[in-house]
Amino acid sequence: MPTRAQTKRKSKPIPKTTGKGGNYRSTESGAGMTAKGVRAHRAANPGSKLKTAVTGKVKKGSQAAKRRKSYCARSLGQLKRSSAETRNDPNSRIRQARRRWKC
């Protein structure tokens, strides 16, 4: 009988490329995934509901506003649990991503 680790589906890792045409944004451009990266992830993981960041202006109570509020709450927890160096560095990936989401 196969073990649990053997029965797990293995997917190809998505290349962590930054820069022009990459799947991930550089820290300077706000961190997080690009639209191309999200498409690549969804192609590799059918049924995935991954979406890009909510960066524009949103109506209060809209679905996008709820996604933003949820991400901001989640990422605040990540920020609190990170090292003091990361928490205090305005250019850390988590801080840049939160800035891009307008948290």
N, C-alpha and C. Protein backbone atom coordinates (compact mmCIF):
# COMPACT_ATOMS: atom_id res chain seq x y z
N MET A 1 0.85 -1.19 0.00
CA MET A 1 0.00 0.00 0.00
C MET A 1 0.89 1.25 0.00
N PRO A 2 0.67 2.19 -0.93
CA PRO A 2 1.52 3.38 -0.97
C PRO A 2 1.28 4.30 0.22
N THR A 3 2.34 4.97 0.63
CA THR A 3 2.21 5.92 1.74
C THR A 3 1.55 7.20 1.25
N ARG A 4 1.20 8.03 2.17
CA ARG A 4 0.53 9.28 1.83
C ARG A 4 1.39 10.17 0.93
N ALA A 5 2.70 10.21 1.23
CA ALA A 5 3.62 11.02 0.44
C ALA A 5 3.70 10.53 -1.01
N GLN A 6 3.57 9.21 -1.20
CA GLN A 6 3.68 8.65 -2.54
C GLN A 6 2.41 8.91 -3.36
N THR A 7 1.28 9.05 -2.72
CA THR A 7 0.03 9.24 -3.45
C THR A 7 -0.25 10.70 -3.79
N LYS A 8 0.49 11.62 -3.20
CA LYS A 8 0.27 13.03 -3.49
C LYS A 8 0.62 13.33 -4.95
N ARG A 9 -0.17 14.17 -5.57
CA ARG A 9 0.06 14.56 -6.95
C ARG A 9 1.28 15.48 -7.00
N LYS A 10 2.17 15.18 -7.90
CA LYS A 10 3.35 16.02 -8.05
C LYS A 10 3.16 16.90 -9.28
N SER A 11 3.29 18.21 -9.10
CA SER A 11 3.19 19.12 -10.23
C SER A 11 4.56 19.75 -10.47
N LYS A 12 4.75 20.16 -11.68
CA LYS A 12 6.02 20.80 -12.02
C LYS A 12 6.09 22.15 -11.31
N PRO A 13 7.23 22.47 -10.72
CA PRO A 13 7.33 23.78 -10.06
C PRO A 13 7.31 24.90 -11.09
N ILE A 14 6.69 26.00 -10.73
CA ILE A 14 6.64 27.16 -11.60
C ILE A 14 7.95 27.92 -11.42
N PRO A 15 8.66 28.23 -12.51
CA PRO A 15 9.93 28.92 -12.36
C PRO A 15 9.76 30.27 -11.67
N LYS A 16 10.61 30.55 -10.70
CA LYS A 16 10.55 31.82 -9.97
C LYS A 16 11.37 32.85 -10.71
N THR A 17 10.88 33.28 -11.84
CA THR A 17 11.62 34.25 -12.63
C THR A 17 11.07 35.64 -12.38
N THR A 18 11.97 36.58 -12.24
CA THR A 18 11.57 37.97 -12.09
C THR A 18 12.06 38.73 -13.31
N GLY A 19 11.66 39.96 -13.41
CA GLY A 19 12.08 40.76 -14.56
C GLY A 19 11.07 40.68 -15.68
N LYS A 20 11.45 41.18 -16.83
CA LYS A 20 10.53 41.23 -17.97
C LYS A 20 10.10 39.82 -18.38
N GLY A 21 8.80 39.60 -18.47
CA GLY A 21 8.28 38.31 -18.88
C GLY A 21 8.30 37.25 -17.80
N GLY A 22 8.60 37.63 -16.55
CA GLY A 22 8.70 36.67 -15.46
C GLY A 22 7.37 36.40 -14.80
N ASN A 23 7.36 35.39 -13.92
CA ASN A 23 6.14 35.02 -13.20
C ASN A 23 5.98 35.77 -11.89
N TYR A 24 7.06 36.33 -11.39
CA TYR A 24 7.00 37.05 -10.11
C TYR A 24 7.54 38.46 -10.27
N ARG A 25 6.94 39.39 -9.58
CA ARG A 25 7.40 40.78 -9.62
C ARG A 25 8.64 40.92 -8.74
N SER A 26 9.51 41.81 -9.12
CA SER A 26 10.66 42.11 -8.27
C SER A 26 10.15 42.87 -7.06
N THR A 27 10.95 42.95 -6.03
CA THR A 27 10.55 43.67 -4.82
C THR A 27 10.29 45.13 -5.14
N GLU A 28 11.10 45.71 -6.01
CA GLU A 28 10.96 47.12 -6.36
C GLU A 28 9.62 47.41 -7.03
N SER A 29 9.10 46.44 -7.79
CA SER A 29 7.84 46.68 -8.50
C SER A 29 6.63 46.18 -7.72
N GLY A 30 6.81 45.87 -6.44
CA GLY A 30 5.66 45.56 -5.59
C GLY A 30 5.51 44.12 -5.16
N ALA A 31 6.45 43.25 -5.52
CA ALA A 31 6.42 41.83 -5.12
C ALA A 31 5.15 41.16 -5.62
N GLY A 32 4.97 39.88 -5.35
CA GLY A 32 3.79 39.14 -5.78
C GLY A 32 3.91 38.59 -7.19
N MET A 33 2.85 37.95 -7.65
CA MET A 33 2.85 37.32 -8.96
C MET A 33 2.35 38.26 -10.05
N THR A 34 2.86 38.05 -11.24
CA THR A 34 2.39 38.78 -12.41
C THR A 34 1.17 38.07 -12.96
N ALA A 35 0.46 38.70 -13.88
CA ALA A 35 -0.70 38.07 -14.51
C ALA A 35 -0.25 36.81 -15.26
N LYS A 36 0.92 36.87 -15.88
CA LYS A 36 1.46 35.71 -16.60
C LYS A 36 1.73 34.57 -15.61
N GLY A 37 2.26 34.90 -14.45
CA GLY A 37 2.53 33.89 -13.44
C GLY A 37 1.27 33.23 -12.92
N VAL A 38 0.21 34.02 -12.76
CA VAL A 38 -1.07 33.49 -12.30
C VAL A 38 -1.63 32.54 -13.36
N ARG A 39 -1.53 32.92 -14.64
CA ARG A 39 -2.00 32.04 -15.72
C ARG A 39 -1.21 30.73 -15.73
N ALA A 40 0.11 30.81 -15.53
CA ALA A 40 0.95 29.61 -15.50
C ALA A 40 0.56 28.71 -14.34
N HIS A 41 0.31 29.30 -13.18
CA HIS A 41 -0.09 28.53 -12.00
C HIS A 41 -1.42 27.83 -12.24
N ARG A 42 -2.37 28.55 -12.83
CA ARG A 42 -3.70 27.98 -13.07
C ARG A 42 -3.65 26.87 -14.10
N ALA A 43 -2.75 27.00 -15.08
CA ALA A 43 -2.59 25.94 -16.09
C ALA A 43 -1.99 24.69 -15.46
N ALA A 44 -1.05 24.89 -14.53
CA ALA A 44 -0.39 23.76 -13.87
C ALA A 44 -1.26 23.14 -12.77
N ASN A 45 -2.23 23.90 -12.27
CA ASN A 45 -3.09 23.43 -11.18
C ASN A 45 -4.55 23.66 -11.55
N PRO A 46 -5.14 22.75 -12.33
CA PRO A 46 -6.55 22.93 -12.73
C PRO A 46 -7.47 23.06 -11.51
N GLY A 47 -8.41 23.97 -11.62
CA GLY A 47 -9.33 24.19 -10.50
C GLY A 47 -8.85 25.26 -9.54
N SER A 48 -7.65 25.79 -9.77
CA SER A 48 -7.11 26.82 -8.90
C SER A 48 -7.92 28.10 -9.02
N LYS A 49 -8.07 28.82 -7.93
CA LYS A 49 -8.82 30.07 -7.94
C LYS A 49 -7.90 31.27 -7.71
N LEU A 50 -6.61 31.09 -7.95
CA LEU A 50 -5.64 32.16 -7.73
C LEU A 50 -5.94 33.35 -8.64
N LYS A 51 -5.87 34.54 -8.08
CA LYS A 51 -6.10 35.76 -8.84
C LYS A 51 -4.98 36.74 -8.56
N THR A 52 -4.87 37.77 -9.40
CA THR A 52 -3.85 38.79 -9.18
C THR A 52 -4.30 39.75 -8.08
N ALA A 53 -3.40 40.61 -7.67
CA ALA A 53 -3.67 41.54 -6.58
C ALA A 53 -4.75 42.55 -6.95
N VAL A 54 -5.47 43.02 -5.93
CA VAL A 54 -6.46 44.09 -6.12
C VAL A 54 -5.71 45.39 -5.90
N THR A 55 -5.42 46.09 -7.00
CA THR A 55 -4.57 47.28 -6.89
C THR A 55 -5.31 48.58 -7.18
N GLY A 56 -6.44 48.49 -7.84
CA GLY A 56 -7.16 49.70 -8.22
C GLY A 56 -8.12 50.19 -7.15
N LYS A 57 -8.90 51.19 -7.53
CA LYS A 57 -9.91 51.73 -6.64
C LYS A 57 -11.11 50.79 -6.66
N VAL A 58 -11.67 50.51 -5.49
CA VAL A 58 -12.79 49.57 -5.41
C VAL A 58 -13.97 50.20 -4.66
N LYS A 59 -15.17 49.73 -5.01
CA LYS A 59 -16.36 50.18 -4.30
C LYS A 59 -16.42 49.50 -2.94
N LYS A 60 -16.87 50.23 -1.95
CA LYS A 60 -16.99 49.69 -0.59
C LYS A 60 -17.98 48.51 -0.60
N GLY A 61 -17.57 47.40 0.00
CA GLY A 61 -18.43 46.23 0.09
C GLY A 61 -18.41 45.33 -1.13
N SER A 62 -17.67 45.72 -2.18
CA SER A 62 -17.60 44.89 -3.38
C SER A 62 -16.75 43.65 -3.12
N GLN A 63 -16.81 42.69 -4.05
CA GLN A 63 -16.04 41.46 -3.90
C GLN A 63 -14.53 41.77 -3.85
N ALA A 64 -14.09 42.71 -4.67
CA ALA A 64 -12.67 43.09 -4.69
C ALA A 64 -12.27 43.71 -3.35
N ALA A 65 -13.15 44.53 -2.78
CA ALA A 65 -12.86 45.16 -1.49
C ALA A 65 -12.75 44.10 -0.40
N LYS A 66 -13.58 43.06 -0.48
CA LYS A 66 -13.53 41.99 0.50
C LYS A 66 -12.24 41.18 0.35
N ARG A 67 -11.81 40.94 -0.91
CA ARG A 67 -10.55 40.23 -1.14
C ARG A 67 -9.38 41.02 -0.57
N ARG A 68 -9.41 42.34 -0.79
CA ARG A 68 -8.33 43.20 -0.28
C ARG A 68 -8.30 43.15 1.25
N LYS A 69 -9.45 43.29 1.86
CA LYS A 69 -9.53 43.30 3.33
C LYS A 69 -9.01 41.98 3.89
N SER A 70 -9.38 40.88 3.25
CA SER A 70 -8.94 39.56 3.67
C SER A 70 -7.43 39.40 3.53
N TYR A 71 -6.88 39.83 2.36
CA TYR A 71 -5.43 39.73 2.15
C TYR A 71 -4.69 40.59 3.18
N CYS A 72 -5.17 41.79 3.41
CA CYS A 72 -4.50 42.70 4.34
C CYS A 72 -4.46 42.12 5.75
N ALA A 73 -5.55 41.49 6.17
CA ALA A 73 -5.59 40.88 7.49
C ALA A 73 -4.62 39.70 7.56
N ARG A 74 -4.60 38.88 6.51
CA ARG A 74 -3.71 37.71 6.46
C ARG A 74 -2.25 38.12 6.44
N SER A 75 -1.94 39.11 5.60
CA SER A 75 -0.54 39.53 5.46
C SER A 75 -0.05 40.27 6.70
N LEU A 76 -0.95 40.90 7.45
CA LEU A 76 -0.54 41.55 8.69
C LEU A 76 -0.05 40.49 9.67
N GLY A 77 -0.73 39.35 9.69
CA GLY A 77 -0.30 38.24 10.53
C GLY A 77 1.08 37.74 10.12
N GLN A 78 1.33 37.66 8.81
CA GLN A 78 2.64 37.24 8.31
C GLN A 78 3.71 38.25 8.73
N LEU A 79 3.36 39.53 8.61
CA LEU A 79 4.30 40.59 8.96
C LEU A 79 4.65 40.54 10.44
N LYS A 80 3.65 40.31 11.29
CA LYS A 80 3.89 40.26 12.74
C LYS A 80 4.78 39.09 13.12
N ARG A 81 4.68 37.98 12.37
CA ARG A 81 5.45 36.78 12.69
C ARG A 81 6.83 36.76 12.04
N SER A 82 7.14 37.74 11.21
CA SER A 82 8.45 37.78 10.55
C SER A 82 9.49 38.38 11.50
N SER A 83 10.74 38.30 11.09
CA SER A 83 11.83 38.81 11.93
C SER A 83 11.74 40.33 12.04
N ALA A 84 12.37 40.86 13.05
CA ALA A 84 12.37 42.31 13.27
C ALA A 84 13.00 43.02 12.08
N GLU A 85 14.00 42.39 11.50
CA GLU A 85 14.68 42.99 10.34
C GLU A 85 13.70 43.14 9.17
N THR A 86 12.91 42.11 8.91
CA THR A 86 11.93 42.15 7.83
C THR A 86 10.81 43.13 8.15
N ARG A 87 10.33 43.10 9.39
CA ARG A 87 9.23 43.99 9.80
C ARG A 87 9.60 45.45 9.63
N ASN A 88 10.84 45.79 9.91
CA ASN A 88 11.26 47.19 9.89
C ASN A 88 11.85 47.64 8.56
N ASP A 89 12.03 46.72 7.63
CA ASP A 89 12.62 47.05 6.33
C ASP A 89 11.50 47.45 5.37
N PRO A 90 11.45 48.71 4.94
CA PRO A 90 10.37 49.13 4.04
C PRO A 90 10.45 48.47 2.67
N ASN A 91 11.59 47.86 2.34
CA ASN A 91 11.75 47.22 1.04
C ASN A 91 11.66 45.70 1.09
N SER A 92 11.19 45.14 2.21
CA SER A 92 11.03 43.69 2.29
C SER A 92 9.85 43.28 1.39
N ARG A 93 9.84 42.03 0.94
CA ARG A 93 8.80 41.56 0.00
C ARG A 93 7.40 41.71 0.58
N ILE A 94 7.24 41.38 1.86
CA ILE A 94 5.90 41.46 2.46
C ILE A 94 5.43 42.91 2.55
N ARG A 95 6.33 43.82 2.89
CA ARG A 95 5.95 45.23 2.97
C ARG A 95 5.60 45.79 1.59
N GLN A 96 6.39 45.40 0.58
CA GLN A 96 6.13 45.87 -0.78
C GLN A 96 4.80 45.32 -1.30
N ALA A 97 4.53 44.04 -1.01
CA ALA A 97 3.27 43.44 -1.46
C ALA A 97 2.09 44.13 -0.78
N ARG A 98 2.21 44.41 0.52
CA ARG A 98 1.13 45.11 1.23
C ARG A 98 0.93 46.50 0.67
N ARG A 99 1.98 47.16 0.30
CA ARG A 99 1.87 48.50 -0.30
C ARG A 99 1.14 48.39 -1.65
N ARG A 100 1.47 47.36 -2.44
CA ARG A 100 0.84 47.18 -3.75
C ARG A 100 -0.66 46.91 -3.60
N TRP A 101 -1.05 46.17 -2.57
CA TRP A 101 -2.46 45.87 -2.30
C TRP A 101 -3.15 47.05 -1.62
N LYS A 102 -2.40 48.08 -1.28
CA LYS A 102 -2.91 49.28 -0.57
C LYS A 102 -3.45 48.93 0.82
N CYS A 103 -2.63 48.17 1.56
CA CYS A 103 -3.00 47.82 2.94
C CYS A 103 -2.55 48.91 3.89
